[in-house]
Amino acid sequence: MVLDVAEALGWQRFSLMGHSMGAGIATLVPAVARDRIERLVLLEGMGPLSSSPDDAPEQLAKALRSEAAVTRAEPNVYRDFDAAVTARMKNSDLDRASARLLVERGVEVVALGVRFTFDPMLKTSSRVRLTEEQVLAFLVGIECPVLSVRASRGWPFPEHVIARRSAAIADLRTTLVEGGHHVHLTDPERVAPLVREFLGA
């Protein structure tokens, strides 16, 4: 999908930046398109979630259950824009201003209020996950320079996993900034200069 977008835009060489799940996806691209990725910026993420081969049957069963639940469910409708903002803030580190920015571009007006426009399937479990060894194989295949920005109160990824994955990337610069998982949105002044310098912008 990432390469399809690049093709549609006519980009032969380009840099990638991803946050959280987007960072996980971004780490897979350089290993399969080494001559096209110039630089890689990972915000609060370093590779996709992994699981052991033994977990595969339950992972698939869990995914099918979650997909069935989403298929049966009616989309939530919020009485107004502010109610949607409040809902977006739940279970996240987003402040109201940051949540508002996301909601402004992610809702539509319907008869009884507003509803989010994202595909609810995005919130379901993955049917299949890579093993940790497979994730490491993709990370070893990254030849371009990589900037990893992690937040002090970010996603609670096991440190031993982060250490092993970091060691697999040949040209890696890691920076820790104060903030939560969405620090690039809540406090962009802590992240933007790092990214700008790295990309030479």
N, C-alpha and C. Protein backbone atom coordinates (compact mmCIF):
# COMPACT_ATOMS: atom_id res chain seq x y z
N MET A 1 0.82 -1.20 0.00
CA MET A 1 0.00 0.00 0.00
C MET A 1 0.87 1.26 0.00
N VAL A 2 1.91 1.31 0.82
CA VAL A 2 2.79 2.48 0.85
C VAL A 2 3.42 2.70 -0.51
N LEU A 3 3.91 1.64 -1.10
CA LEU A 3 4.53 1.75 -2.42
C LEU A 3 3.51 2.10 -3.50
N ASP A 4 2.28 1.65 -3.34
CA ASP A 4 1.22 2.01 -4.29
C ASP A 4 0.98 3.52 -4.25
N VAL A 5 0.96 4.09 -3.04
CA VAL A 5 0.76 5.53 -2.90
C VAL A 5 1.92 6.29 -3.55
N ALA A 6 3.15 5.81 -3.31
CA ALA A 6 4.32 6.45 -3.90
C ALA A 6 4.25 6.41 -5.42
N GLU A 7 3.80 5.29 -5.96
CA GLU A 7 3.66 5.17 -7.41
C GLU A 7 2.63 6.17 -7.94
N ALA A 8 1.51 6.29 -7.22
CA ALA A 8 0.46 7.21 -7.65
C ALA A 8 0.95 8.66 -7.64
N LEU A 9 1.85 8.97 -6.70
CA LEU A 9 2.38 10.32 -6.59
C LEU A 9 3.59 10.56 -7.48
N GLY A 10 4.08 9.49 -8.10
CA GLY A 10 5.24 9.61 -8.97
C GLY A 10 6.56 9.75 -8.23
N TRP A 11 6.62 9.23 -7.00
CA TRP A 11 7.85 9.32 -6.19
C TRP A 11 8.72 8.10 -6.43
N GLN A 12 9.93 8.31 -6.91
CA GLN A 12 10.88 7.21 -7.06
C GLN A 12 11.68 7.00 -5.77
N ARG A 13 12.15 8.11 -5.19
CA ARG A 13 12.85 8.04 -3.90
C ARG A 13 12.18 9.00 -2.93
N PHE A 14 12.02 8.56 -1.68
CA PHE A 14 11.31 9.38 -0.71
C PHE A 14 11.66 8.93 0.70
N SER A 15 11.34 9.77 1.66
CA SER A 15 11.51 9.43 3.07
C SER A 15 10.15 9.08 3.65
N LEU A 16 10.18 8.28 4.71
CA LEU A 16 8.94 7.85 5.37
C LEU A 16 8.96 8.27 6.83
N MET A 17 7.80 8.69 7.34
CA MET A 17 7.65 8.95 8.76
C MET A 17 6.34 8.33 9.22
N GLY A 18 6.39 7.58 10.32
CA GLY A 18 5.19 6.95 10.82
C GLY A 18 5.12 7.01 12.34
N HIS A 19 3.89 7.04 12.85
CA HIS A 19 3.66 7.07 14.30
C HIS A 19 2.95 5.79 14.73
N SER A 20 3.46 5.16 15.79
CA SER A 20 2.82 4.00 16.39
C SER A 20 2.65 2.88 15.36
N MET A 21 1.42 2.51 15.02
CA MET A 21 1.21 1.48 14.01
C MET A 21 1.82 1.89 12.68
N GLY A 22 1.75 3.18 12.37
CA GLY A 22 2.36 3.68 11.14
C GLY A 22 3.86 3.48 11.12
N ALA A 23 4.48 3.61 12.30
CA ALA A 23 5.92 3.36 12.39
C ALA A 23 6.22 1.89 12.17
N GLY A 24 5.33 1.04 12.67
CA GLY A 24 5.50 -0.39 12.44
C GLY A 24 5.44 -0.73 10.97
N ILE A 25 4.47 -0.15 10.27
CA ILE A 25 4.36 -0.38 8.83
C ILE A 25 5.57 0.17 8.10
N ALA A 26 6.02 1.37 8.51
CA ALA A 26 7.13 2.03 7.82
C ALA A 26 8.41 1.21 7.88
N THR A 27 8.62 0.44 8.95
CA THR A 27 9.85 -0.35 9.06
C THR A 27 9.89 -1.52 8.09
N LEU A 28 8.74 -1.89 7.54
CA LEU A 28 8.71 -3.02 6.61
C LEU A 28 9.09 -2.63 5.19
N VAL A 29 8.95 -1.35 4.87
CA VAL A 29 9.13 -0.91 3.49
C VAL A 29 10.58 -0.90 3.03
N PRO A 30 11.53 -0.35 3.80
CA PRO A 30 12.91 -0.27 3.29
C PRO A 30 13.53 -1.61 2.94
N ALA A 31 13.14 -2.66 3.63
CA ALA A 31 13.74 -3.97 3.36
C ALA A 31 13.28 -4.55 2.02
N VAL A 32 12.13 -4.08 1.53
CA VAL A 32 11.63 -4.61 0.26
C VAL A 32 11.76 -3.58 -0.87
N ALA A 33 12.19 -2.36 -0.52
CA ALA A 33 12.39 -1.31 -1.53
C ALA A 33 13.61 -0.49 -1.14
N ARG A 34 14.75 -1.17 -1.01
CA ARG A 34 15.96 -0.54 -0.48
C ARG A 34 16.42 0.67 -1.29
N ASP A 35 16.21 0.64 -2.58
CA ASP A 35 16.70 1.72 -3.43
C ASP A 35 15.76 2.92 -3.48
N ARG A 36 14.64 2.86 -2.74
CA ARG A 36 13.65 3.93 -2.85
C ARG A 36 13.51 4.77 -1.58
N ILE A 37 13.91 4.22 -0.43
CA ILE A 37 13.72 4.94 0.82
C ILE A 37 15.00 5.67 1.22
N GLU A 38 14.90 6.99 1.35
CA GLU A 38 16.07 7.80 1.69
C GLU A 38 16.32 7.84 3.19
N ARG A 39 15.28 8.13 3.96
CA ARG A 39 15.39 8.22 5.41
C ARG A 39 14.08 7.74 6.03
N LEU A 40 14.19 7.31 7.29
CA LEU A 40 13.03 6.75 7.98
C LEU A 40 12.92 7.39 9.36
N VAL A 41 11.74 7.93 9.68
CA VAL A 41 11.48 8.53 10.99
C VAL A 41 10.41 7.70 11.68
N LEU A 42 10.74 7.18 12.86
CA LEU A 42 9.82 6.35 13.63
C LEU A 42 9.43 7.09 14.90
N LEU A 43 8.15 7.45 15.02
CA LEU A 43 7.65 8.13 16.20
C LEU A 43 6.89 7.12 17.06
N GLU A 44 7.42 6.84 18.23
CA GLU A 44 6.76 5.93 19.16
C GLU A 44 6.42 4.57 18.52
N GLY A 45 7.42 3.98 17.91
CA GLY A 45 7.23 2.65 17.34
C GLY A 45 8.49 2.18 16.66
N MET A 46 8.72 0.88 16.70
CA MET A 46 9.88 0.31 16.03
C MET A 46 9.55 -1.11 15.60
N GLY A 47 8.88 -1.20 14.49
CA GLY A 47 8.47 -2.51 14.00
C GLY A 47 7.07 -2.87 14.48
N PRO A 48 6.42 -3.77 13.79
CA PRO A 48 5.07 -4.19 14.17
C PRO A 48 5.07 -5.09 15.40
N LEU A 49 3.89 -5.24 15.99
CA LEU A 49 3.74 -6.20 17.09
C LEU A 49 4.03 -7.60 16.56
N SER A 50 4.61 -8.42 17.41
CA SER A 50 4.94 -9.79 17.01
C SER A 50 4.32 -10.78 17.99
N SER A 51 4.34 -12.04 17.60
CA SER A 51 3.87 -13.10 18.50
C SER A 51 4.58 -14.39 18.14
N SER A 52 4.51 -15.35 19.02
CA SER A 52 5.17 -16.62 18.77
C SER A 52 4.33 -17.48 17.84
N PRO A 53 4.94 -18.42 17.13
CA PRO A 53 4.16 -19.29 16.24
C PRO A 53 3.04 -20.03 16.96
N ASP A 54 3.28 -20.39 18.22
CA ASP A 54 2.26 -21.12 18.98
C ASP A 54 1.00 -20.31 19.20
N ASP A 55 1.12 -18.98 19.13
CA ASP A 55 -0.03 -18.12 19.37
C ASP A 55 -0.89 -17.91 18.12
N ALA A 56 -0.45 -18.41 16.99
CA ALA A 56 -1.13 -18.13 15.72
C ALA A 56 -2.61 -18.56 15.70
N PRO A 57 -2.97 -19.77 16.18
CA PRO A 57 -4.38 -20.14 16.14
C PRO A 57 -5.26 -19.20 16.97
N GLU A 58 -4.82 -18.86 18.18
CA GLU A 58 -5.62 -17.97 19.02
C GLU A 58 -5.65 -16.56 18.46
N GLN A 59 -4.55 -16.13 17.83
CA GLN A 59 -4.53 -14.80 17.22
C GLN A 59 -5.58 -14.70 16.12
N LEU A 60 -5.67 -15.73 15.29
CA LEU A 60 -6.67 -15.73 14.23
C LEU A 60 -8.08 -15.78 14.80
N ALA A 61 -8.29 -16.63 15.83
CA ALA A 61 -9.61 -16.73 16.45
C ALA A 61 -10.03 -15.39 17.06
N LYS A 62 -9.09 -14.73 17.73
CA LYS A 62 -9.36 -13.42 18.34
C LYS A 62 -9.74 -12.39 17.27
N ALA A 63 -9.02 -12.41 16.15
CA ALA A 63 -9.29 -11.47 15.07
C ALA A 63 -10.67 -11.70 14.48
N LEU A 64 -11.02 -12.95 14.26
CA LEU A 64 -12.34 -13.26 13.68
C LEU A 64 -13.46 -12.84 14.62
N ARG A 65 -13.25 -13.03 15.95
CA ARG A 65 -14.25 -12.58 16.92
C ARG A 65 -14.41 -11.06 16.88
N SER A 66 -13.30 -10.35 16.83
CA SER A 66 -13.38 -8.89 16.83
C SER A 66 -13.98 -8.36 15.54
N GLU A 67 -13.68 -9.02 14.42
CA GLU A 67 -14.28 -8.60 13.14
C GLU A 67 -15.79 -8.83 13.14
N ALA A 68 -16.20 -9.95 13.70
CA ALA A 68 -17.64 -10.25 13.76
C ALA A 68 -18.36 -9.23 14.63
N ALA A 69 -17.73 -8.84 15.74
CA ALA A 69 -18.34 -7.86 16.64
C ALA A 69 -18.49 -6.51 15.95
N VAL A 70 -17.48 -6.11 15.19
CA VAL A 70 -17.55 -4.84 14.47
C VAL A 70 -18.62 -4.88 13.39
N THR A 71 -18.72 -5.99 12.71
CA THR A 71 -19.71 -6.13 11.64
C THR A 71 -21.13 -6.00 12.18
N ARG A 72 -21.36 -6.53 13.37
CA ARG A 72 -22.71 -6.49 13.97
C ARG A 72 -23.03 -5.13 14.57
N ALA A 73 -22.02 -4.39 14.99
CA ALA A 73 -22.24 -3.15 15.75
C ALA A 73 -22.68 -2.00 14.86
N GLU A 74 -23.55 -1.17 15.40
CA GLU A 74 -23.92 0.07 14.73
C GLU A 74 -22.88 1.13 15.07
N PRO A 75 -22.51 1.99 14.12
CA PRO A 75 -21.52 3.02 14.42
C PRO A 75 -22.03 3.98 15.48
N ASN A 76 -21.13 4.40 16.37
CA ASN A 76 -21.50 5.37 17.40
C ASN A 76 -21.80 6.72 16.78
N VAL A 77 -22.87 7.33 17.22
CA VAL A 77 -23.22 8.68 16.79
C VAL A 77 -23.21 9.57 18.02
N TYR A 78 -22.49 10.68 17.94
CA TYR A 78 -22.36 11.61 19.06
C TYR A 78 -23.24 12.82 18.80
N ARG A 79 -23.80 13.36 19.87
CA ARG A 79 -24.80 14.42 19.71
C ARG A 79 -24.25 15.67 19.04
N ASP A 80 -22.95 15.92 19.25
CA ASP A 80 -22.34 17.09 18.61
C ASP A 80 -20.83 16.90 18.53
N PHE A 81 -20.17 17.89 17.96
CA PHE A 81 -18.72 17.83 17.75
C PHE A 81 -17.98 17.69 19.07
N ASP A 82 -18.37 18.45 20.08
CA ASP A 82 -17.67 18.41 21.37
C ASP A 82 -17.77 17.04 22.03
N ALA A 83 -18.91 16.38 21.87
CA ALA A 83 -19.06 15.03 22.42
C ALA A 83 -18.12 14.06 21.74
N ALA A 84 -17.91 14.24 20.43
CA ALA A 84 -16.96 13.40 19.71
C ALA A 84 -15.53 13.65 20.17
N VAL A 85 -15.21 14.91 20.45
CA VAL A 85 -13.88 15.24 20.97
C VAL A 85 -13.65 14.55 22.31
N THR A 86 -14.64 14.61 23.19
CA THR A 86 -14.54 13.95 24.49
C THR A 86 -14.33 12.45 24.34
N ALA A 87 -15.04 11.85 23.40
CA ALA A 87 -14.90 10.42 23.15
C ALA A 87 -13.50 10.10 22.64
N ARG A 88 -12.95 10.95 21.79
CA ARG A 88 -11.62 10.71 21.23
C ARG A 88 -10.54 10.79 22.30
N MET A 89 -10.80 11.55 23.36
CA MET A 89 -9.82 11.71 24.43
C MET A 89 -9.75 10.50 25.36
N LYS A 90 -10.78 9.68 25.36
CA LYS A 90 -10.81 8.53 26.27
C LYS A 90 -9.69 7.55 25.96
N ASN A 91 -9.09 7.03 27.01
CA ASN A 91 -8.02 6.03 26.89
C ASN A 91 -6.86 6.51 26.04
N SER A 92 -6.55 7.80 26.11
CA SER A 92 -5.41 8.34 25.39
C SER A 92 -4.78 9.45 26.21
N ASP A 93 -3.62 9.91 25.76
CA ASP A 93 -2.94 11.00 26.44
C ASP A 93 -3.21 12.33 25.74
N LEU A 94 -4.18 12.37 24.88
CA LEU A 94 -4.48 13.58 24.12
C LEU A 94 -5.12 14.64 25.01
N ASP A 95 -4.68 15.89 24.86
CA ASP A 95 -5.39 16.99 25.49
C ASP A 95 -6.53 17.39 24.56
N ARG A 96 -7.39 18.29 25.03
CA ARG A 96 -8.59 18.61 24.25
C ARG A 96 -8.24 19.26 22.91
N ALA A 97 -7.26 20.14 22.92
CA ALA A 97 -6.90 20.83 21.67
C ALA A 97 -6.39 19.84 20.63
N SER A 98 -5.58 18.88 21.07
CA SER A 98 -5.03 17.89 20.14
C SER A 98 -6.13 16.95 19.62
N ALA A 99 -7.01 16.52 20.53
CA ALA A 99 -8.11 15.66 20.11
C ALA A 99 -9.01 16.39 19.12
N ARG A 100 -9.18 17.67 19.33
CA ARG A 100 -10.02 18.47 18.43
C ARG A 100 -9.47 18.48 17.01
N LEU A 101 -8.15 18.60 16.89
CA LEU A 101 -7.52 18.58 15.58
C LEU A 101 -7.82 17.28 14.84
N LEU A 102 -7.75 16.16 15.56
CA LEU A 102 -8.01 14.87 14.93
C LEU A 102 -9.48 14.72 14.55
N VAL A 103 -10.36 15.19 15.43
CA VAL A 103 -11.79 15.04 15.17
C VAL A 103 -12.23 15.92 14.01
N GLU A 104 -11.62 17.10 13.88
CA GLU A 104 -12.01 18.01 12.79
C GLU A 104 -11.87 17.36 11.42
N ARG A 105 -10.87 16.48 11.27
CA ARG A 105 -10.66 15.85 9.97
C ARG A 105 -11.19 14.42 9.92
N GLY A 106 -11.87 13.99 10.98
CA GLY A 106 -12.26 12.59 11.02
C GLY A 106 -13.70 12.31 11.39
N VAL A 107 -14.60 13.30 11.22
CA VAL A 107 -16.01 13.04 11.48
C VAL A 107 -16.86 13.55 10.34
N GLU A 108 -18.08 13.06 10.29
CA GLU A 108 -19.05 13.54 9.30
C GLU A 108 -20.37 13.81 10.01
N VAL A 109 -21.13 14.73 9.51
CA VAL A 109 -22.43 15.07 10.08
C VAL A 109 -23.46 14.08 9.57
N VAL A 110 -24.25 13.53 10.50
CA VAL A 110 -25.34 12.62 10.15
C VAL A 110 -26.62 13.14 10.79
N ALA A 111 -27.71 12.43 10.61
CA ALA A 111 -29.02 12.92 11.04
C ALA A 111 -29.07 13.26 12.53
N LEU A 112 -28.46 12.42 13.38
CA LEU A 112 -28.59 12.61 14.83
C LEU A 112 -27.37 13.24 15.48
N GLY A 113 -26.39 13.67 14.67
CA GLY A 113 -25.20 14.27 15.26
C GLY A 113 -24.00 14.11 14.35
N VAL A 114 -22.91 13.58 14.90
CA VAL A 114 -21.70 13.33 14.11
C VAL A 114 -21.18 11.94 14.42
N ARG A 115 -20.43 11.38 13.47
CA ARG A 115 -19.81 10.07 13.68
C ARG A 115 -18.44 10.06 13.03
N PHE A 116 -17.57 9.21 13.55
CA PHE A 116 -16.22 9.10 13.00
C PHE A 116 -16.27 8.41 11.64
N THR A 117 -15.33 8.79 10.77
CA THR A 117 -15.33 8.26 9.41
C THR A 117 -14.30 7.15 9.19
N PHE A 118 -13.47 6.86 10.21
CA PHE A 118 -12.47 5.81 10.01
C PHE A 118 -13.14 4.45 9.89
N ASP A 119 -12.47 3.55 9.21
CA ASP A 119 -12.98 2.18 9.04
C ASP A 119 -12.88 1.47 10.39
N PRO A 120 -14.00 1.03 10.97
CA PRO A 120 -13.95 0.36 12.27
C PRO A 120 -13.11 -0.91 12.27
N MET A 121 -12.86 -1.47 11.09
CA MET A 121 -12.01 -2.66 11.02
C MET A 121 -10.57 -2.36 11.46
N LEU A 122 -10.20 -1.08 11.42
CA LEU A 122 -8.86 -0.71 11.87
C LEU A 122 -8.65 -1.02 13.35
N LYS A 123 -9.73 -1.13 14.11
CA LYS A 123 -9.62 -1.36 15.54
C LYS A 123 -9.68 -2.85 15.90
N THR A 124 -9.81 -3.70 14.88
CA THR A 124 -9.85 -5.13 15.16
C THR A 124 -8.44 -5.70 15.27
N SER A 125 -8.33 -6.88 15.79
CA SER A 125 -7.03 -7.54 15.93
C SER A 125 -6.50 -8.01 14.58
N SER A 126 -5.19 -8.09 14.46
CA SER A 126 -4.59 -8.63 13.24
C SER A 126 -4.86 -10.13 13.15
N ARG A 127 -5.16 -10.60 11.96
CA ARG A 127 -5.38 -12.04 11.79
C ARG A 127 -4.09 -12.83 11.97
N VAL A 128 -3.01 -12.29 11.47
CA VAL A 128 -1.71 -12.95 11.54
C VAL A 128 -0.67 -11.92 11.97
N ARG A 129 0.23 -12.32 12.85
CA ARG A 129 1.34 -11.45 13.23
C ARG A 129 2.66 -12.10 12.83
N LEU A 130 3.63 -11.26 12.51
CA LEU A 130 4.98 -11.77 12.29
C LEU A 130 5.55 -12.29 13.59
N THR A 131 6.48 -13.22 13.50
CA THR A 131 7.23 -13.62 14.68
C THR A 131 8.29 -12.54 14.94
N GLU A 132 8.87 -12.55 16.13
CA GLU A 132 9.91 -11.57 16.44
C GLU A 132 11.11 -11.74 15.52
N GLU A 133 11.43 -12.96 15.17
CA GLU A 133 12.55 -13.22 14.27
C GLU A 133 12.27 -12.62 12.88
N GLN A 134 11.03 -12.69 12.42
CA GLN A 134 10.69 -12.10 11.13
C GLN A 134 10.77 -10.58 11.18
N VAL A 135 10.32 -9.99 12.29
CA VAL A 135 10.44 -8.54 12.45
C VAL A 135 11.90 -8.12 12.38
N LEU A 136 12.76 -8.86 13.09
CA LEU A 136 14.19 -8.54 13.09
C LEU A 136 14.79 -8.65 11.70
N ALA A 137 14.31 -9.60 10.91
CA ALA A 137 14.82 -9.74 9.54
C ALA A 137 14.50 -8.49 8.72
N PHE A 138 13.33 -7.90 8.91
CA PHE A 138 13.00 -6.66 8.22
C PHE A 138 13.87 -5.51 8.72
N LEU A 139 14.10 -5.45 10.03
CA LEU A 139 14.91 -4.36 10.58
C LEU A 139 16.36 -4.45 10.11
N VAL A 140 16.89 -5.65 10.05
CA VAL A 140 18.26 -5.84 9.56
C VAL A 140 18.36 -5.39 8.10
N GLY A 141 17.27 -5.50 7.37
CA GLY A 141 17.27 -5.12 5.96
C GLY A 141 17.19 -3.62 5.71
N ILE A 142 17.05 -2.81 6.77
CA ILE A 142 16.98 -1.36 6.60
C ILE A 142 18.39 -0.81 6.40
N GLU A 143 18.65 -0.22 5.25
CA GLU A 143 19.97 0.32 4.95
C GLU A 143 20.03 1.84 5.07
N CYS A 144 18.89 2.51 5.09
CA CYS A 144 18.86 3.97 5.15
C CYS A 144 19.01 4.45 6.60
N PRO A 145 19.38 5.72 6.81
CA PRO A 145 19.43 6.27 8.16
C PRO A 145 18.03 6.29 8.80
N VAL A 146 17.99 6.02 10.11
CA VAL A 146 16.72 5.94 10.82
C VAL A 146 16.78 6.83 12.07
N LEU A 147 15.73 7.61 12.28
CA LEU A 147 15.56 8.37 13.52
C LEU A 147 14.39 7.78 14.28
N SER A 148 14.64 7.38 15.52
CA SER A 148 13.59 6.87 16.39
C SER A 148 13.36 7.88 17.51
N VAL A 149 12.14 8.39 17.61
CA VAL A 149 11.78 9.33 18.68
C VAL A 149 10.82 8.61 19.62
N ARG A 150 11.25 8.45 20.85
CA ARG A 150 10.42 7.79 21.86
C ARG A 150 10.03 8.79 22.93
N ALA A 151 8.87 8.59 23.52
CA ALA A 151 8.35 9.49 24.56
C ALA A 151 8.56 8.87 25.93
N SER A 152 8.85 9.73 26.90
CA SER A 152 9.14 9.25 28.26
C SER A 152 7.94 8.55 28.89
N ARG A 153 6.74 8.94 28.50
CA ARG A 153 5.52 8.31 29.02
C ARG A 153 4.72 7.69 27.85
N GLY A 154 5.46 7.13 26.92
CA GLY A 154 4.83 6.59 25.71
C GLY A 154 4.34 5.17 25.86
N TRP A 155 4.19 4.52 24.72
CA TRP A 155 3.67 3.16 24.69
C TRP A 155 4.60 2.24 25.48
N PRO A 156 4.05 1.43 26.39
CA PRO A 156 4.89 0.59 27.26
C PRO A 156 5.46 -0.64 26.57
N PHE A 157 6.31 -0.42 25.59
CA PHE A 157 6.95 -1.53 24.87
C PHE A 157 8.04 -2.13 25.75
N PRO A 158 8.15 -3.44 25.84
CA PRO A 158 9.21 -4.05 26.67
C PRO A 158 10.59 -3.58 26.25
N GLU A 159 11.38 -3.13 27.21
CA GLU A 159 12.68 -2.55 26.90
C GLU A 159 13.63 -3.55 26.24
N HIS A 160 13.54 -4.84 26.64
CA HIS A 160 14.44 -5.81 26.04
C HIS A 160 14.12 -6.02 24.55
N VAL A 161 12.84 -5.86 24.19
CA VAL A 161 12.45 -5.97 22.78
C VAL A 161 12.98 -4.76 22.01
N ILE A 162 12.80 -3.56 22.58
CA ILE A 162 13.30 -2.34 21.94
C ILE A 162 14.81 -2.42 21.76
N ALA A 163 15.52 -2.91 22.78
CA ALA A 163 16.98 -2.98 22.70
C ALA A 163 17.42 -3.92 21.57
N ARG A 164 16.77 -5.06 21.45
CA ARG A 164 17.14 -6.02 20.41
C ARG A 164 16.81 -5.48 19.02
N ARG A 165 15.67 -4.83 18.91
CA ARG A 165 15.28 -4.27 17.61
C ARG A 165 16.21 -3.11 17.23
N SER A 166 16.56 -2.29 18.21
CA SER A 166 17.45 -1.17 17.93
C SER A 166 18.80 -1.66 17.43
N ALA A 167 19.29 -2.73 18.04
CA ALA A 167 20.59 -3.27 17.64
C ALA A 167 20.56 -3.84 16.23
N ALA A 168 19.38 -4.18 15.74
CA ALA A 168 19.26 -4.77 14.40
C ALA A 168 19.35 -3.73 13.28
N ILE A 169 19.14 -2.45 13.61
CA ILE A 169 19.14 -1.38 12.60
C ILE A 169 20.54 -0.80 12.52
N ALA A 170 21.14 -0.84 11.35
CA ALA A 170 22.55 -0.47 11.20
C ALA A 170 22.81 1.00 11.47
N ASP A 171 21.95 1.88 10.97
CA ASP A 171 22.18 3.33 11.08
C ASP A 171 21.00 3.95 11.82
N LEU A 172 21.06 3.91 13.15
CA LEU A 172 19.93 4.34 13.98
C LEU A 172 20.35 5.45 14.93
N ARG A 173 19.52 6.50 14.97
CA ARG A 173 19.67 7.55 15.97
C ARG A 173 18.41 7.54 16.82
N THR A 174 18.56 7.41 18.14
CA THR A 174 17.41 7.34 19.04
C THR A 174 17.39 8.56 19.95
N THR A 175 16.22 9.17 20.09
CA THR A 175 16.05 10.33 20.96
C THR A 175 14.84 10.12 21.85
N LEU A 176 15.00 10.43 23.13
CA LEU A 176 13.90 10.35 24.10
C LEU A 176 13.44 11.76 24.41
N VAL A 177 12.14 12.00 24.29
CA VAL A 177 11.58 13.31 24.60
C VAL A 177 10.54 13.18 25.71
N GLU A 178 10.34 14.24 26.45
CA GLU A 178 9.34 14.25 27.51
C GLU A 178 7.95 14.32 26.89
N GLY A 179 7.07 13.42 27.35
CA GLY A 179 5.71 13.45 26.84
C GLY A 179 5.09 12.08 26.76
N GLY A 180 3.87 12.05 26.21
CA GLY A 180 3.14 10.81 26.07
C GLY A 180 3.19 10.27 24.65
N HIS A 181 2.35 9.28 24.39
CA HIS A 181 2.38 8.57 23.11
C HIS A 181 2.12 9.50 21.92
N HIS A 182 1.36 10.57 22.13
CA HIS A 182 1.05 11.51 21.06
C HIS A 182 1.83 12.81 21.22
N VAL A 183 3.05 12.74 21.71
CA VAL A 183 3.83 13.95 21.99
C VAL A 183 4.05 14.79 20.73
N HIS A 184 4.14 14.16 19.58
CA HIS A 184 4.32 14.93 18.34
C HIS A 184 3.13 15.84 18.04
N LEU A 185 1.98 15.50 18.61
CA LEU A 185 0.76 16.28 18.41
C LEU A 185 0.52 17.24 19.57
N THR A 186 0.71 16.76 20.80
CA THR A 186 0.46 17.60 21.97
C THR A 186 1.56 18.62 22.20
N ASP A 187 2.81 18.25 21.87
CA ASP A 187 3.96 19.14 22.08
C ASP A 187 4.88 19.08 20.86
N PRO A 188 4.41 19.55 19.72
CA PRO A 188 5.20 19.41 18.48
C PRO A 188 6.56 20.10 18.54
N GLU A 189 6.70 21.10 19.39
CA GLU A 189 7.98 21.80 19.48
C GLU A 189 9.10 20.90 20.02
N ARG A 190 8.74 19.79 20.65
CA ARG A 190 9.74 18.85 21.16
C ARG A 190 10.18 17.86 20.08
N VAL A 191 9.37 17.68 19.08
CA VAL A 191 9.62 16.66 18.06
C VAL A 191 10.02 17.25 16.72
N ALA A 192 9.33 18.29 16.30
CA ALA A 192 9.54 18.85 14.95
C ALA A 192 10.99 19.23 14.67
N PRO A 193 11.71 19.90 15.61
CA PRO A 193 13.10 20.25 15.31
C PRO A 193 13.99 19.04 15.07
N LEU A 194 13.74 17.96 15.80
CA LEU A 194 14.52 16.74 15.63
C LEU A 194 14.31 16.15 14.24
N VAL A 195 13.04 16.12 13.83
CA VAL A 195 12.71 15.58 12.51
C VAL A 195 13.25 16.47 11.40
N ARG A 196 13.11 17.76 11.60
CA ARG A 196 13.58 18.71 10.57
C ARG A 196 15.09 18.59 10.37
N GLU A 197 15.82 18.51 11.47
CA GLU A 197 17.27 18.37 11.37
C GLU A 197 17.65 17.07 10.68
N PHE A 198 16.99 15.98 11.06
CA PHE A 198 17.30 14.68 10.51
C PHE A 198 17.04 14.60 9.02
N LEU A 199 15.95 15.22 8.60
CA LEU A 199 15.59 15.18 7.18
C LEU A 199 16.30 16.26 6.37
N GLY A 200 17.00 17.13 7.08
CA GLY A 200 17.72 18.20 6.38
C GLY A 200 16.78 19.22 5.79
N ALA A 201 15.62 19.39 6.43
CA ALA A 201 14.62 20.33 5.91
C ALA A 201 14.87 21.73 6.43
